[in-house]
Amino acid sequence: MQFKSITAITVLLLVVASLLVAGCTSSTTNQTPTLSTATHDAFLENYLAGIKNVSYADKGLSYKAWEVTWINNTSARLEDTSLNKTTNTTVNEVATFTIFPTAQDATNYLNTLNKTAYSLASTDASSAKGYQNVTGHAPQVYKAYQWNEGNPLNLSEFKVHAIIQYDNIVKIATGKILS
């Protein structure tokens, strides 16, 4: 009698295992990939993950938040909040990263943006350490525009706006000190 029980359990386990392997089981949730998760640009996705790794490796910073929201397959919004351990200041940045097929396409897009309030802060690619750490090389095209809004002596009203091109990626960001 015990032999029949063991045989029955073994057969049942084999049936369940074969159904799982064959993919004949399903859950009640919709497993169809959505556009927002199925078609992200692979380079931009890897770049954002790499930037997170580089940022979290900085021992002088402690991250309170890091949230990436995909806008479409070539653009993502990143909001992060970090504590600078040296200055004891908390900074929040909201940035949109957009990837283009070529650096020239990114430059063309950059040239269409209203940069009236901005000034060219840098063209020195050596300041693009995060990009270099992630990609293994400095960007060949690097332009950083900056606009400071508000009174820098009143940090609750002060914001830094930036538009930066790293080869075929354009980042548009606003940063502010929270405390």
C-alpha atoms as a PDB file:
ATOM      1  CA  MET A   1       0.000   0.000   0.000  1.00  0.00           C
ATOM      2  CA  GLN A   2       2.800   2.387   0.859  1.00  0.00           C
ATOM      3  CA  PHE A   3       4.436   1.604  -2.498  1.00  0.00           C
ATOM      4  CA  LYS A   4       1.261   2.754  -4.344  1.00  0.00           C
ATOM      5  CA  SER A   5       1.255   6.066  -2.400  1.00  0.00           C
ATOM      6  CA  ILE A   6       4.890   6.780  -3.232  1.00  0.00           C
ATOM      7  CA  THR A   7       4.252   5.881  -6.882  1.00  0.00           C
ATOM      8  CA  ALA A   8       1.185   8.125  -7.033  1.00  0.00           C
ATOM      9  CA  ILE A   9       3.067  11.072  -5.489  1.00  0.00           C
ATOM     10  CA  THR A  10       5.985  10.534  -7.871  1.00  0.00           C
ATOM     11  CA  VAL A  11       3.682  10.443 -10.904  1.00  0.00           C
ATOM     12  CA  LEU A  12       1.863  13.570  -9.686  1.00  0.00           C
ATOM     13  CA  LEU A  13       5.162  15.412  -9.195  1.00  0.00           C
ATOM     14  CA  LEU A  14       6.306  14.378 -12.685  1.00  0.00           C
ATOM     15  CA  VAL A  15       3.050  15.645 -14.220  1.00  0.00           C
ATOM     16  CA  VAL A  16       3.310  18.991 -12.405  1.00  0.00           C
ATOM     17  CA  ALA A  17       6.991  19.318 -13.356  1.00  0.00           C
ATOM     18  CA  SER A  18       6.281  18.542 -17.013  1.00  0.00           C
ATOM     19  CA  LEU A  19       3.447  21.103 -17.077  1.00  0.00           C
ATOM     20  CA  LEU A  20       5.722  23.754 -15.627  1.00  0.00           C
ATOM     21  CA  VAL A  21       8.496  22.966 -18.095  1.00  0.00           C
ATOM     22  CA  ALA A  22       6.030  22.995 -20.985  1.00  0.00           C
ATOM     23  CA  GLY A  23       4.631  26.332 -19.863  1.00  0.00           C
ATOM     24  CA  CYS A  24       1.081  25.022 -19.569  1.00  0.00           C
ATOM     25  CA  THR A  25       0.423  26.868 -16.334  1.00  0.00           C
ATOM     26  CA  SER A  26      -0.551  30.503 -16.205  1.00  0.00           C
ATOM     27  CA  SER A  27      -1.359  33.053 -13.593  1.00  0.00           C
ATOM     28  CA  THR A  28      -4.366  35.316 -13.586  1.00  0.00           C
ATOM     29  CA  THR A  29      -2.251  38.423 -14.235  1.00  0.00           C
ATOM     30  CA  ASN A  30      -1.613  39.792 -17.698  1.00  0.00           C
ATOM     31  CA  GLN A  31       1.890  38.770 -18.691  1.00  0.00           C
ATOM     32  CA  THR A  32       1.977  40.671 -21.984  1.00  0.00           C
ATOM     33  CA  PRO A  33       4.887  43.119 -21.941  1.00  0.00           C
ATOM     34  CA  THR A  34       3.837  46.736 -22.102  1.00  0.00           C
ATOM     35  CA  LEU A  35       5.464  49.308 -24.350  1.00  0.00           C
ATOM     36  CA  SER A  36       6.949  51.072 -21.351  1.00  0.00           C
ATOM     37  CA  THR A  37       8.851  47.983 -20.209  1.00  0.00           C
ATOM     38  CA  ALA A  38       9.377  46.023 -23.408  1.00  0.00           C
ATOM     39  CA  THR A  39      11.132  48.460 -25.702  1.00  0.00           C
ATOM     40  CA  HIS A  40      13.563  50.556 -23.682  1.00  0.00           C
ATOM     41  CA  ASP A  41      16.693  51.545 -25.526  1.00  0.00           C
ATOM     42  CA  ALA A  42      19.246  49.018 -24.259  1.00  0.00           C
ATOM     43  CA  PHE A  43      22.162  51.458 -24.211  1.00  0.00           C
ATOM     44  CA  LEU A  44      20.201  54.096 -22.286  1.00  0.00           C
ATOM     45  CA  GLU A  45      18.923  51.486 -19.849  1.00  0.00           C
ATOM     46  CA  ASN A  46      22.479  50.214 -19.247  1.00  0.00           C
ATOM     47  CA  TYR A  47      23.752  53.778 -19.008  1.00  0.00           C
ATOM     48  CA  LEU A  48      21.218  54.690 -16.312  1.00  0.00           C
ATOM     49  CA  ALA A  49      22.007  51.507 -14.379  1.00  0.00           C
ATOM     50  CA  GLY A  50      25.721  52.284 -14.670  1.00  0.00           C
ATOM     51  CA  ILE A  51      25.214  55.856 -13.475  1.00  0.00           C
ATOM     52  CA  LYS A  52      23.373  54.469 -10.452  1.00  0.00           C
ATOM     53  CA  ASN A  53      26.278  52.118  -9.694  1.00  0.00           C
ATOM     54  CA  VAL A  54      28.810  54.948 -10.023  1.00  0.00           C
ATOM     55  CA  SER A  55      26.681  57.251  -7.860  1.00  0.00           C
ATOM     56  CA  TYR A  56      26.093  54.689  -5.125  1.00  0.00           C
ATOM     57  CA  ALA A  57      29.823  53.875  -5.062  1.00  0.00           C
ATOM     58  CA  ASP A  58      30.619  57.487  -4.086  1.00  0.00           C
ATOM     59  CA  LYS A  59      31.339  57.141  -0.352  1.00  0.00           C
ATOM     60  CA  GLY A  60      30.782  60.882   0.157  1.00  0.00           C
ATOM     61  CA  LEU A  61      27.108  60.547  -0.768  1.00  0.00           C
ATOM     62  CA  SER A  62      24.218  58.684   0.759  1.00  0.00           C
ATOM     63  CA  TYR A  63      21.238  58.167  -1.558  1.00  0.00           C
ATOM     64  CA  LYS A  64      17.758  58.598  -0.102  1.00  0.00           C
ATOM     65  CA  ALA A  65      15.909  58.038  -3.400  1.00  0.00           C
ATOM     66  CA  TRP A  66      16.625  56.869  -6.945  1.00  0.00           C
ATOM     67  CA  GLU A  67      13.655  56.424  -9.246  1.00  0.00           C
ATOM     68  CA  VAL A  68      13.723  55.914 -13.004  1.00  0.00           C
ATOM     69  CA  THR A  69      10.472  56.325 -14.924  1.00  0.00           C
ATOM     70  CA  TRP A  70      10.455  55.587 -18.634  1.00  0.00           C
ATOM     71  CA  ILE A  71       8.752  58.235 -20.753  1.00  0.00           C
ATOM     72  CA  ASN A  72       9.051  56.284 -23.994  1.00  0.00           C
ATOM     73  CA  ASN A  73      11.597  53.882 -25.488  1.00  0.00           C
ATOM     74  CA  THR A  74      14.301  56.565 -25.869  1.00  0.00           C
ATOM     75  CA  SER A  75      13.651  58.824 -22.867  1.00  0.00           C
ATOM     76  CA  ALA A  76      13.617  58.308 -19.134  1.00  0.00           C
ATOM     77  CA  ARG A  77      13.088  60.541 -16.123  1.00  0.00           C
ATOM     78  CA  LEU A  78      15.405  60.097 -13.173  1.00  0.00           C
ATOM     79  CA  GLU A  79      14.699  61.612  -9.791  1.00  0.00           C
ATOM     80  CA  ASP A  80      17.317  61.158  -7.122  1.00  0.00           C
ATOM     81  CA  THR A  81      17.920  62.603  -3.692  1.00  0.00           C
ATOM     82  CA  SER A  82      21.254  62.348  -1.949  1.00  0.00           C
ATOM     83  CA  LEU A  83      22.930  63.518   1.213  1.00  0.00           C
ATOM     84  CA  ASN A  84      26.402  64.975   0.828  1.00  0.00           C
ATOM     85  CA  LYS A  85      28.129  63.645   3.942  1.00  0.00           C
ATOM     86  CA  THR A  86      30.863  66.308   3.872  1.00  0.00           C
ATOM     87  CA  THR A  87      28.614  69.363   3.666  1.00  0.00           C
ATOM     88  CA  ASN A  88      25.581  67.703   5.324  1.00  0.00           C
ATOM     89  CA  THR A  89      23.322  68.971   2.537  1.00  0.00           C
ATOM     90  CA  THR A  90      20.525  67.049   0.859  1.00  0.00           C
ATOM     91  CA  VAL A  91      20.191  67.601  -2.877  1.00  0.00           C
ATOM     92  CA  ASN A  92      17.344  66.613  -5.184  1.00  0.00           C
ATOM     93  CA  GLU A  93      17.766  66.337  -8.940  1.00  0.00           C
ATOM     94  CA  VAL A  94      15.091  65.659 -11.539  1.00  0.00           C
ATOM     95  CA  ALA A  95      16.516  64.862 -14.965  1.00  0.00           C
ATOM     96  CA  THR A  96      15.288  63.640 -18.313  1.00  0.00           C
ATOM     97  CA  PHE A  97      17.714  61.569 -20.369  1.00  0.00           C
ATOM     98  CA  THR A  98      17.044  61.196 -24.092  1.00  0.00           C
ATOM     99  CA  ILE A  99      19.127  59.057 -26.424  1.00  0.00           C
ATOM    100  CA  PHE A 100      19.443  59.768 -30.142  1.00  0.00           C
ATOM    101  CA  PRO A 101      20.689  57.570 -32.994  1.00  0.00           C
ATOM    102  CA  THR A 102      23.814  59.714 -33.445  1.00  0.00           C
ATOM    103  CA  ALA A 103      25.701  62.500 -31.678  1.00  0.00           C
ATOM    104  CA  GLN A 104      24.755  64.798 -34.575  1.00  0.00           C
ATOM    105  CA  ASP A 105      21.056  64.076 -33.961  1.00  0.00           C
ATOM    106  CA  ALA A 106      21.577  64.946 -30.284  1.00  0.00           C
ATOM    107  CA  THR A 107      23.361  68.172 -31.283  1.00  0.00           C
ATOM    108  CA  ASN A 108      20.513  69.052 -33.652  1.00  0.00           C
ATOM    109  CA  TYR A 109      18.014  68.517 -30.820  1.00  0.00           C
ATOM    110  CA  LEU A 110      20.155  70.526 -28.400  1.00  0.00           C
ATOM    111  CA  ASN A 111      20.257  73.400 -30.904  1.00  0.00           C
ATOM    112  CA  THR A 112      16.432  73.532 -30.990  1.00  0.00           C
ATOM    113  CA  LEU A 113      16.139  74.003 -27.216  1.00  0.00           C
ATOM    114  CA  ASN A 114      15.583  77.456 -25.780  1.00  0.00           C
ATOM    115  CA  LYS A 115      18.838  78.168 -23.971  1.00  0.00           C
ATOM    116  CA  THR A 116      18.357  81.953 -23.670  1.00  0.00           C
ATOM    117  CA  ALA A 117      18.739  81.935 -19.872  1.00  0.00           C
ATOM    118  CA  TYR A 118      21.595  79.414 -19.996  1.00  0.00           C
ATOM    119  CA  SER A 119      25.282  79.970 -20.481  1.00  0.00           C
ATOM    120  CA  LEU A 120      27.778  77.455 -21.761  1.00  0.00           C
ATOM    121  CA  ALA A 121      29.403  76.187 -18.574  1.00  0.00           C
ATOM    122  CA  SER A 122      31.804  73.624 -20.050  1.00  0.00           C
ATOM    123  CA  THR A 123      32.944  71.770 -23.133  1.00  0.00           C
ATOM    124  CA  ASP A 124      35.634  69.898 -21.207  1.00  0.00           C
ATOM    125  CA  ALA A 125      34.728  66.210 -21.496  1.00  0.00           C
ATOM    126  CA  SER A 126      36.996  65.356 -18.567  1.00  0.00           C
ATOM    127  CA  SER A 127      34.248  66.633 -16.261  1.00  0.00           C
ATOM    128  CA  ALA A 128      31.944  63.855 -17.558  1.00  0.00           C
ATOM    129  CA  LYS A 129      33.356  61.272 -15.128  1.00  0.00           C
ATOM    130  CA  GLY A 130      30.080  59.347 -14.779  1.00  0.00           C
ATOM    131  CA  TYR A 131      29.739  58.943 -18.540  1.00  0.00           C
ATOM    132  CA  GLN A 132      33.373  57.878 -18.799  1.00  0.00           C
ATOM    133  CA  ASN A 133      33.046  55.339 -15.976  1.00  0.00           C
ATOM    134  CA  VAL A 134      29.955  53.784 -17.546  1.00  0.00           C
ATOM    135  CA  THR A 135      31.025  53.737 -21.203  1.00  0.00           C
ATOM    136  CA  GLY A 136      34.775  53.314 -20.761  1.00  0.00           C
ATOM    137  CA  HIS A 137      35.574  56.498 -22.694  1.00  0.00           C
ATOM    138  CA  ALA A 138      35.026  60.222 -22.479  1.00  0.00           C
ATOM    139  CA  PRO A 139      32.321  61.614 -24.741  1.00  0.00           C
ATOM    140  CA  GLN A 140      33.608  62.992 -28.023  1.00  0.00           C
ATOM    141  CA  VAL A 141      30.864  65.622 -27.941  1.00  0.00           C
ATOM    142  CA  TYR A 142      30.309  67.287 -24.579  1.00  0.00           C
ATOM    143  CA  LYS A 143      28.456  70.534 -23.949  1.00  0.00           C
ATOM    144  CA  ALA A 144      27.129  71.614 -20.559  1.00  0.00           C
ATOM    145  CA  TYR A 145      24.818  74.603 -20.280  1.00  0.00           C
ATOM    146  CA  GLN A 146      23.776  75.981 -16.897  1.00  0.00           C
ATOM    147  CA  TRP A 147      21.258  78.463 -15.563  1.00  0.00           C
ATOM    148  CA  ASN A 148      21.039  79.407 -11.896  1.00  0.00           C
ATOM    149  CA  GLU A 149      17.599  80.499 -10.769  1.00  0.00           C
ATOM    150  CA  GLY A 150      16.913  82.427  -7.580  1.00  0.00           C
ATOM    151  CA  ASN A 151      19.117  83.735  -4.843  1.00  0.00           C
ATOM    152  CA  PRO A 152      22.069  81.452  -4.039  1.00  0.00           C
ATOM    153  CA  LEU A 153      22.137  82.918  -0.518  1.00  0.00           C
ATOM    154  CA  ASN A 154      18.571  81.661   0.059  1.00  0.00           C
ATOM    155  CA  LEU A 155      18.875  77.962  -0.733  1.00  0.00           C
ATOM    156  CA  SER A 156      15.154  77.277  -0.400  1.00  0.00           C
ATOM    157  CA  GLU A 157      14.602  79.462  -3.486  1.00  0.00           C
ATOM    158  CA  PHE A 158      17.718  78.496  -5.448  1.00  0.00           C
ATOM    159  CA  LYS A 159      17.721  76.016  -8.345  1.00  0.00           C
ATOM    160  CA  VAL A 160      20.339  74.939 -10.840  1.00  0.00           C
ATOM    161  CA  HIS A 161      19.145  74.051 -14.341  1.00  0.00           C
ATOM    162  CA  ALA A 162      21.413  72.150 -16.713  1.00  0.00           C
ATOM    163  CA  ILE A 163      21.315  70.894 -20.276  1.00  0.00           C
ATOM    164  CA  ILE A 164      24.161  68.507 -21.039  1.00  0.00           C
ATOM    165  CA  GLN A 165      25.072  66.572 -24.167  1.00  0.00           C
ATOM    166  CA  TYR A 166      27.174  63.423 -23.813  1.00  0.00           C
ATOM    167  CA  ASP A 167      27.649  62.176 -27.399  1.00  0.00           C
ATOM    168  CA  ASN A 168      24.172  60.928 -28.366  1.00  0.00           C
ATOM    169  CA  ILE A 169      22.567  61.487 -24.936  1.00  0.00           C
ATOM    170  CA  VAL A 170      20.979  64.761 -23.861  1.00  0.00           C
ATOM    171  CA  LYS A 171      20.257  65.340 -20.176  1.00  0.00           C
ATOM    172  CA  ILE A 172      17.950  68.144 -19.048  1.00  0.00           C
ATOM    173  CA  ALA A 173      18.021  68.573 -15.279  1.00  0.00           C
ATOM    174  CA  THR A 174      16.953  70.738 -12.385  1.00  0.00           C
ATOM    175  CA  GLY A 175      18.665  70.469  -9.030  1.00  0.00           C
ATOM    176  CA  LYS A 176      17.957  72.038  -5.689  1.00  0.00           C
ATOM    177  CA  ILE A 177      19.221  71.822  -2.150  1.00  0.00           C
ATOM    178  CA  LEU A 178      16.541  70.542   0.203  1.00  0.00           C
ATOM    179  CA  SER A 179      18.420  71.051   3.473  1.00  0.00           C
END
